[in-house]
Protein backbone atom coordinates (compact mmCIF):
# COMPACT_ATOMS: atom_id res chain seq x y z
CA UNK A 1 25.53 -1.02 -115.40
CA UNK A 2 27.26 1.39 -117.77
CA UNK A 3 25.39 4.48 -116.53
CA UNK A 4 27.18 4.20 -113.18
CA UNK A 5 30.77 3.12 -113.88
CA UNK A 6 32.54 1.76 -110.84
CA UNK A 7 29.42 0.22 -109.34
CA UNK A 8 29.15 -2.82 -111.61
CA UNK A 9 25.82 -4.64 -111.67
CA UNK A 10 23.52 -2.88 -109.17
CA UNK A 11 20.74 -5.50 -109.25
CA UNK A 12 19.90 -6.52 -105.69
CA UNK A 13 22.26 -3.89 -104.21
CA UNK A 14 21.13 -1.20 -101.80
CA UNK A 15 22.17 2.05 -103.48
CA UNK A 16 22.15 5.26 -101.43
CA UNK A 17 21.39 8.24 -103.69
CA UNK A 18 22.04 11.79 -102.48
CA UNK A 19 19.44 13.83 -104.36
CA UNK A 20 18.56 17.50 -104.12
CA UNK A 21 14.87 17.61 -103.22
CA UNK A 22 14.99 21.01 -101.52
CA UNK A 23 11.75 22.35 -103.00
CA UNK A 24 9.66 25.35 -101.91
CA UNK A 25 6.60 24.46 -99.83
CA UNK A 26 3.42 26.34 -98.97
CA UNK A 27 2.39 24.39 -95.88
CA UNK A 28 2.54 20.83 -97.20
CA UNK A 29 2.00 21.83 -100.86
CA UNK A 30 5.00 21.85 -103.21
CA UNK A 31 5.00 25.09 -105.20
CA UNK A 32 7.79 24.16 -107.64
CA UNK A 33 8.69 20.49 -108.19
CA UNK A 34 11.53 21.21 -110.63
CA UNK A 35 14.23 19.68 -108.44
CA UNK A 36 12.18 16.52 -107.87
CA UNK A 37 11.60 16.13 -111.60
CA UNK A 38 15.31 16.63 -112.25
CA UNK A 39 16.14 13.87 -109.74
CA UNK A 40 13.80 11.26 -111.25
CA UNK A 41 15.95 9.97 -114.19
CA UNK A 42 18.82 8.72 -111.98
CA UNK A 43 16.47 7.18 -109.42
CA UNK A 44 14.45 5.52 -112.17
CA UNK A 45 17.57 4.19 -113.95
CA UNK A 46 18.77 2.54 -110.75
CA UNK A 47 15.35 1.07 -109.96
CA UNK A 48 14.97 -0.29 -113.50
CA UNK A 49 18.41 -1.90 -113.16
CA UNK A 50 17.12 -3.79 -110.09
CA UNK A 51 18.73 -1.72 -107.35
CA UNK A 52 17.06 -1.15 -104.00
CA UNK A 53 17.16 2.63 -104.08
CA UNK A 54 17.55 4.57 -100.82
CA UNK A 55 17.20 8.32 -101.42
CA UNK A 56 18.56 10.84 -98.95
CA UNK A 57 18.04 14.60 -99.21
CA UNK A 58 17.45 17.77 -97.22
CA UNK A 59 14.76 20.43 -97.18
CA UNK A 60 15.23 23.91 -95.75
CA UNK A 61 17.62 24.74 -92.92
CA UNK A 62 16.63 22.85 -89.79
CA UNK A 63 19.13 23.15 -86.94
CA UNK A 64 20.16 19.50 -86.64
CA UNK A 65 16.88 18.35 -85.09
CA UNK A 66 13.44 17.38 -86.48
CA UNK A 67 11.07 20.22 -87.44
CA UNK A 68 7.68 19.26 -88.86
CA UNK A 69 7.64 22.09 -91.42
CA UNK A 70 10.81 20.69 -93.01
CA UNK A 71 9.60 17.09 -93.34
CA UNK A 72 10.20 15.40 -96.69
CA UNK A 73 6.86 13.55 -96.43
CA UNK A 74 5.17 15.70 -99.15
CA UNK A 75 8.21 15.10 -101.39
CA UNK A 76 7.87 11.31 -101.02
CA UNK A 77 4.33 11.53 -102.37
CA UNK A 78 5.31 13.67 -105.35
CA UNK A 79 8.36 11.52 -106.12
CA UNK A 80 6.12 8.45 -106.19
CA UNK A 81 3.73 10.17 -108.62
CA UNK A 82 6.58 11.09 -110.96
CA UNK A 83 8.12 7.60 -110.80
CA UNK A 84 4.73 5.95 -111.26
CA UNK A 85 5.45 3.67 -108.29
CA UNK A 86 5.05 4.03 -104.52
CA UNK A 87 7.99 5.45 -102.57
CA UNK A 88 8.38 4.11 -99.03
CA UNK A 89 9.00 6.91 -96.55
CA UNK A 90 11.18 6.49 -93.45
CA UNK A 91 10.23 8.87 -90.64
CA UNK A 92 13.88 9.17 -89.57
CA UNK A 93 17.25 9.14 -91.35
CA UNK A 94 19.34 6.43 -89.68
CA UNK A 95 17.03 5.21 -86.91
CA UNK A 96 14.60 2.35 -86.54
CA UNK A 97 12.22 3.53 -89.26
CA UNK A 98 15.06 3.90 -91.79
CA UNK A 99 16.49 0.47 -90.95
CA UNK A 100 13.08 -1.24 -91.23
CA UNK A 101 12.09 0.63 -94.40
CA UNK A 102 15.32 -0.19 -96.21
CA UNK A 103 15.17 -3.83 -95.08
CA UNK A 104 11.69 -4.06 -96.55
CA UNK A 105 12.72 -2.98 -100.07
CA UNK A 106 12.59 -5.48 -102.92
CA UNK A 107 14.71 -5.14 -106.07
CA UNK A 108 13.58 -2.11 -108.10
CA UNK A 109 11.83 -0.39 -105.20
CA UNK A 110 12.53 3.09 -103.84
CA UNK A 111 12.58 4.55 -100.32
CA UNK A 112 13.09 8.14 -99.18
CA UNK A 113 14.67 8.85 -95.81
CA UNK A 114 13.50 11.78 -93.68
CA UNK A 115 15.38 15.11 -93.93
CA UNK A 116 19.09 14.37 -93.52
CA UNK A 117 19.59 17.76 -91.81
CA UNK A 118 17.43 16.61 -88.88
CA UNK A 119 20.74 15.04 -87.76
CA UNK A 120 23.41 17.39 -86.40
CA UNK A 121 26.17 15.20 -87.88
CA UNK A 122 25.15 16.10 -91.46
CA UNK A 123 26.42 19.67 -91.41
CA UNK A 124 28.83 19.46 -88.46
CA UNK A 125 32.19 21.21 -88.81
CA UNK A 126 33.62 18.48 -86.55
CA UNK A 127 35.00 15.89 -88.96
CA UNK A 128 34.68 13.03 -86.45
CA UNK A 129 31.02 13.84 -85.78
CA UNK A 130 30.31 14.10 -89.51
CA UNK A 131 32.09 10.82 -90.25
CA UNK A 132 30.22 9.02 -87.45
CA UNK A 133 26.90 10.07 -89.00
CA UNK A 134 28.13 9.13 -92.50
CA UNK A 135 28.97 5.65 -91.17
CA UNK A 136 25.36 5.25 -90.01
CA UNK A 137 24.12 6.28 -93.47
CA UNK A 138 26.62 4.00 -95.20
CA UNK A 139 25.42 1.04 -93.09
CA UNK A 140 22.10 1.27 -94.95
CA UNK A 141 23.70 0.73 -98.37
CA UNK A 142 26.18 -1.17 -100.54
CA UNK A 143 27.00 1.70 -102.91
CA UNK A 144 26.58 5.48 -103.21
CA UNK A 145 25.45 7.69 -106.11
CA UNK A 146 25.93 11.46 -105.80
CA UNK A 147 23.12 13.21 -107.68
CA UNK A 148 22.41 16.36 -105.64
CA UNK A 149 24.23 19.07 -107.58
CA UNK A 150 22.79 21.79 -105.36
CA UNK A 151 24.91 20.51 -102.44
CA UNK A 152 28.20 19.43 -104.07
CA UNK A 153 29.86 22.64 -102.85
CA UNK A 154 29.22 21.52 -99.24
CA UNK A 155 31.52 19.26 -97.24
CA UNK A 156 28.65 17.42 -95.57
CA UNK A 157 28.16 13.84 -94.41
CA UNK A 158 25.70 12.73 -97.10
CA UNK A 159 27.61 14.56 -99.84
CA UNK A 160 31.29 14.06 -99.02
CA UNK A 161 31.95 11.63 -96.17
CA UNK A 162 29.67 8.83 -97.41
CA UNK A 163 31.67 8.73 -100.65
CA UNK A 164 34.78 7.90 -98.62
CA UNK A 165 33.04 4.82 -97.20
CA UNK A 166 31.23 3.20 -100.15
CA UNK A 167 31.87 2.41 -103.83
CA UNK A 168 30.61 5.58 -105.50
CA UNK A 169 29.53 7.07 -108.81
CA UNK A 170 28.26 10.35 -110.20
CA UNK A 171 24.56 10.47 -111.02
CA UNK A 172 23.18 11.66 -114.35
CA UNK A 173 22.02 15.03 -113.02
CA UNK A 174 25.43 15.93 -111.56
CA UNK A 175 27.17 14.64 -114.68
CA UNK A 176 25.02 16.88 -116.93
CA UNK A 177 25.57 19.92 -114.70
CA UNK A 178 29.35 19.46 -114.78
CA UNK A 179 29.33 18.99 -118.55
CA UNK A 180 27.38 22.24 -119.04
CA UNK A 181 29.60 24.20 -116.64
CA UNK A 182 32.72 22.93 -118.39
CA UNK A 183 31.31 24.31 -121.66
CA UNK A 184 30.78 27.68 -119.95
CA UNK A 185 34.28 27.88 -118.48
CA UNK A 186 36.56 25.96 -120.82
CA UNK A 187 35.20 26.17 -124.34
CA UNK A 188 32.34 28.68 -124.71
CA UNK A 189 31.13 29.26 -128.27
CA UNK A 190 31.38 33.00 -128.87
CA UNK A 191 29.94 35.57 -128.51
CA UNK A 192 29.57 34.63 -124.81
CA UNK A 193 27.25 36.76 -122.67
CA UNK A 194 26.83 36.53 -118.89
CA UNK A 195 23.76 38.08 -117.23
CA UNK A 196 24.01 38.69 -113.49
CA UNK A 197 21.26 39.95 -111.20
CA UNK A 198 20.09 39.38 -107.67
CA UNK A 199 20.47 41.72 -104.76
CA UNK A 200 24.16 41.99 -103.88
CA UNK A 201 27.41 42.55 -105.76
CA UNK A 202 29.21 40.85 -102.86
CA UNK A 203 27.43 37.56 -103.66
CA UNK A 204 28.86 37.59 -107.19
CA UNK A 205 32.40 38.95 -106.68
CA UNK A 206 34.17 35.67 -107.50
CA UNK A 207 32.04 35.06 -110.59
CA UNK A 208 32.58 38.54 -111.98
CA UNK A 209 36.29 38.26 -111.24
CA UNK A 210 36.66 34.91 -113.01
CA UNK A 211 34.31 35.54 -115.94
CA UNK A 212 35.65 39.01 -116.83
CA UNK A 213 38.48 37.22 -118.58
CA UNK A 214 36.22 34.70 -120.31
CA UNK A 215 32.98 36.44 -121.36
CA UNK A 216 32.54 38.91 -124.21
CA UNK A 217 29.80 40.86 -122.46
CA UNK A 218 28.55 41.13 -118.89
CA UNK A 219 24.97 42.38 -118.41
CA UNK A 220 24.13 43.56 -114.90
CA UNK A 221 20.68 44.04 -113.37
CA UNK A 222 18.88 43.38 -110.11
CA UNK A 223 19.69 45.12 -106.84
CA UNK A 224 23.41 44.78 -107.48
CA UNK A 225 23.25 47.25 -110.37
CA UNK A 226 22.82 50.23 -108.04
CA UNK A 227 26.27 49.79 -106.55
CA UNK A 228 27.67 49.91 -110.11
CA UNK A 229 25.63 53.03 -110.90
CA UNK A 230 26.80 54.67 -107.67
CA UNK A 231 30.39 53.72 -108.58
CA UNK A 232 29.90 55.80 -111.75
CA UNK A 233 28.82 58.75 -109.61
CA UNK A 234 25.05 58.49 -110.07
CA UNK A 235 22.37 59.08 -107.44
CA UNK A 236 20.59 55.83 -106.52
CA UNK A 237 18.04 57.16 -104.03
CA UNK A 238 16.87 54.54 -101.54
CA UNK A 239 17.99 51.65 -103.75
CA UNK A 240 20.07 48.81 -102.39
CA UNK A 241 23.66 50.01 -102.12
CA UNK A 242 26.78 48.26 -100.89
CA UNK A 243 29.00 51.23 -100.12
CA UNK A 244 31.94 48.96 -99.27
CA UNK A 245 31.91 47.57 -102.83
CA UNK A 246 32.06 50.88 -104.74
CA UNK A 247 35.82 50.68 -105.29
CA UNK A 248 35.52 47.04 -106.35
CA UNK A 249 32.88 47.98 -108.95
CA UNK A 250 35.08 50.78 -110.28
CA UNK A 251 37.87 48.26 -110.60
CA UNK A 252 35.65 45.87 -112.57
CA UNK A 253 34.54 48.65 -114.92
CA UNK A 254 38.17 49.67 -115.56
CA UNK A 255 39.34 46.07 -116.00
CA UNK A 256 36.52 45.31 -118.44
CA UNK A 257 37.55 48.30 -120.55
CA UNK A 258 41.16 47.08 -120.60
CA UNK A 259 40.11 43.55 -121.61
CA UNK A 260 37.59 44.70 -124.22
CA UNK A 261 34.71 43.11 -122.31
CA UNK A 262 31.46 45.02 -122.66
CA UNK A 263 29.75 45.70 -119.31
CA UNK A 264 26.12 46.56 -120.04
CA UNK A 265 24.27 48.46 -117.31
CA UNK A 266 20.62 49.54 -117.54
CA UNK A 267 19.89 52.98 -118.98
CA UNK A 268 16.45 53.10 -117.33
CA UNK A 269 15.05 51.57 -114.15
CA UNK A 270 11.64 51.04 -112.58
CA UNK A 271 11.34 52.78 -109.21
CA UNK A 272 8.74 53.21 -106.48
CA UNK A 273 8.58 55.58 -103.51
CA UNK A 274 6.38 53.43 -101.26
CA UNK A 275 7.37 49.78 -101.88
CA UNK A 276 7.15 47.59 -99.86
CA UNK A 277 4.33 48.96 -97.75
CA UNK A 278 1.72 46.35 -96.99
CA UNK A 279 -1.66 47.45 -98.34
CA UNK A 280 -0.42 50.19 -100.68
CA UNK A 281 -0.47 49.18 -104.35
CA UNK A 282 2.86 49.52 -106.16
CA UNK A 283 3.34 52.79 -108.03
CA UNK A 284 6.01 51.90 -110.60
CA UNK A 285 7.67 54.74 -112.45
CA UNK A 286 10.31 54.49 -115.17
CA UNK A 287 13.24 56.87 -114.79
CA UNK A 288 16.66 57.25 -116.39
CA UNK A 289 19.30 55.19 -114.60
CA UNK A 290 21.38 58.34 -114.07
CA UNK A 291 18.44 60.33 -112.70
CA UNK A 292 16.94 58.24 -109.89
CA UNK A 293 15.04 60.55 -107.50
CA UNK A 294 16.39 60.67 -103.95
CA UNK A 295 13.09 59.39 -102.49
CA UNK A 296 12.84 56.39 -104.85
CA UNK A 297 13.80 52.74 -104.62
CA UNK A 298 14.99 50.91 -107.76
CA UNK A 299 13.11 47.61 -108.21
CA UNK A 300 13.66 46.48 -111.82
CA UNK A 301 15.50 47.33 -115.00
CA UNK A 302 13.39 49.49 -117.32
CA UNK A 303 11.78 48.63 -120.68
CA UNK A 304 14.55 50.21 -122.78
CA UNK A 305 17.17 48.29 -120.82
CA UNK A 306 15.17 45.08 -121.31
CA UNK A 307 15.30 45.66 -125.08
CA UNK A 308 19.02 46.50 -124.97
CA UNK A 309 19.81 43.35 -122.95
CA UNK A 310 17.72 41.24 -125.36
CA UNK A 311 19.61 42.70 -128.34
CA UNK A 312 22.97 41.64 -126.85
CA UNK A 313 21.62 38.15 -126.08
CA UNK A 314 20.23 37.78 -129.62
CA UNK A 315 23.81 37.95 -130.93
CA UNK A 316 25.24 35.51 -128.37
CA UNK A 317 25.86 31.78 -128.91
CA UNK A 318 26.53 31.06 -125.21
CA UNK A 319 24.59 32.68 -122.36
CA UNK A 320 24.77 32.12 -118.60
CA UNK A 321 22.19 33.90 -116.45
CA UNK A 322 22.12 34.01 -112.66
CA UNK A 323 19.87 36.31 -110.66
CA UNK A 324 16.58 38.08 -111.47
CA UNK A 325 16.55 41.61 -112.87
CA UNK A 326 14.08 42.87 -110.27
CA UNK A 327 11.48 41.90 -107.69
CA UNK A 328 9.88 39.41 -110.09
CA UNK A 329 7.41 38.14 -107.46
CA UNK A 330 5.50 41.43 -107.91
CA UNK A 331 4.02 41.86 -111.41
CA UNK A 332 4.90 45.57 -111.56
CA UNK A 333 8.61 44.72 -111.20
CA UNK A 334 8.80 41.47 -113.21
CA UNK A 335 9.13 42.75 -116.77
CA UNK A 336 12.93 43.05 -116.77
CA UNK A 337 13.30 39.44 -115.68
CA UNK A 338 10.68 38.40 -118.25
CA UNK A 339 12.58 40.23 -121.02
CA UNK A 340 15.81 38.40 -120.20
CA UNK A 341 14.06 35.02 -119.94
CA UNK A 342 12.30 35.61 -123.27
CA UNK A 343 15.60 36.55 -124.90
CA UNK A 344 17.24 33.37 -123.60
CA UNK A 345 14.57 31.22 -125.26
CA UNK A 346 15.78 32.50 -128.65
CA UNK A 347 19.52 31.99 -128.16
CA UNK A 348 21.12 30.16 -131.09
CA UNK A 349 23.42 28.03 -128.99
CA UNK A 350 23.67 27.20 -125.28
CA UNK A 351 21.42 29.08 -122.85
CA UNK A 352 21.89 28.29 -119.16
CA UNK A 353 19.64 29.48 -116.33
CA UNK A 354 21.84 29.28 -113.24
CA UNK A 355 19.50 27.82 -110.65
CA UNK A 356 18.21 29.42 -107.46
CA UNK A 357 16.00 32.49 -107.88
CA UNK A 358 16.55 32.54 -111.65
CA UNK A 359 15.05 29.06 -112.05
CA UNK A 360 12.16 29.98 -109.75
CA UNK A 361 11.59 33.18 -111.73
CA UNK A 362 11.35 31.58 -115.18
CA UNK A 363 8.86 29.00 -113.90
CA UNK A 364 6.84 31.62 -112.00
CA UNK A 365 6.66 33.71 -115.19
CA UNK A 366 5.24 30.77 -117.14
CA UNK A 367 8.27 29.56 -119.10
CA UNK A 368 8.84 25.83 -119.57
CA UNK A 369 12.15 24.16 -118.66
CA UNK A 370 12.38 23.04 -122.29
CA UNK A 371 12.50 26.70 -123.42
CA UNK A 372 16.14 26.83 -122.26
CA UNK A 373 19.24 24.81 -123.03
CA UNK A 374 19.75 23.98 -119.35
CA UNK A 375 18.25 25.02 -116.01
CA UNK A 376 20.72 24.35 -113.23
CA UNK A 377 19.45 22.81 -109.99
CA UNK A 378 22.22 24.43 -107.95
CA UNK A 379 22.56 28.21 -107.75
CA UNK A 380 25.38 28.34 -105.17
CA UNK A 381 27.18 25.30 -106.60
CA UNK A 382 27.02 26.74 -110.14
CA UNK A 383 28.45 30.06 -108.99
CA UNK A 384 31.29 28.44 -107.03
CA UNK A 385 32.18 26.27 -110.05
CA UNK A 386 32.23 29.37 -112.28
CA UNK A 387 34.43 31.13 -109.70
CA UNK A 388 36.95 28.34 -110.27
CA UNK A 389 36.58 26.90 -106.77
CA UNK A 390 37.08 23.22 -105.94
CA UNK A 391 33.76 21.64 -104.97
CA UNK A 392 34.27 18.98 -102.26
CA UNK A 393 31.34 16.84 -103.39
CA UNK A 394 32.81 16.57 -106.90
CA UNK A 395 36.42 16.24 -105.83
CA UNK A 396 35.69 13.19 -103.62
CA UNK A 397 34.05 11.37 -106.54
CA UNK A 398 37.33 11.53 -108.46
CA UNK A 399 39.27 9.72 -105.71
């Protein structure tokens, strides 16, 4: 089958697929099925080619033992709806239920194993323990397809070690993600703008460091902006501040000036004196970014900054965005994120929403996936790729 070079004809073969089905749940209700939808094409292609598809994935951060709230049972139901065919669900990962469920598959049928992180061997730092668990997983299959981009930066049993034991191939989702990230790092069409938000500068150090030499402009919002403003000598009130990163931010500002890269910081911000405080309604107030009152907490970029960011993005032909501009979950502090998302929908070129909170934000604000060039399924993996790091789950596929 040409879609999975190296595996040959998959008809009748048991193919283990590592997908990323780590979706947000409210009880047993899935609140955003984006990752499941993104996983369907590879699973469907294998099933239509006659494979017996065995999907493995994680949900949340269980501590190596079963926890009911992290069960993939609701995901099995939704996956079946999207595939238009029932998905058999194994109530364990490598135990009796998994063995029986996989044995019961006919050509073209799909099974989902219970949360792979219910097994301590999945995330173990002990290579022997991880490999032993990978061997149990590999015993369920004849071939392996890596299609969970959100975990390729992890050296875990179902991501890395299984690929050392079975004939393996890259799935369509991972292949598309890599192709897009290569365009962002190796051959961006200019002007190239990078928008970074989220809470902490320290989470984005490697990305800023690597992209300062590649991007034409760097737009900064979210909680991380206050450390940049403080680095310029401005009062930031009660806003999030990483005092240990002030010198680093000054260094970035100086380096950007040397390189001719435009760093765009907000000129106005939305603040509140009481947020978050349970029953009290938000009292948003727009102030100049260099005049934040000492009793106020910055929670979004302001309307003028939203317009300024949108103007830069309107000129760009390549845009990468990672991290919301404010506390988008609260309507009073969502407009900065909305302004950036709206601007991305009009980019004449490649617009990439870099997974994680950014992907959740655009969907929560009512945008469709098709409004953007690409929505990544892996926030952390995307960032590490853009930092120039080697991702174990990709590296092993090349061997």
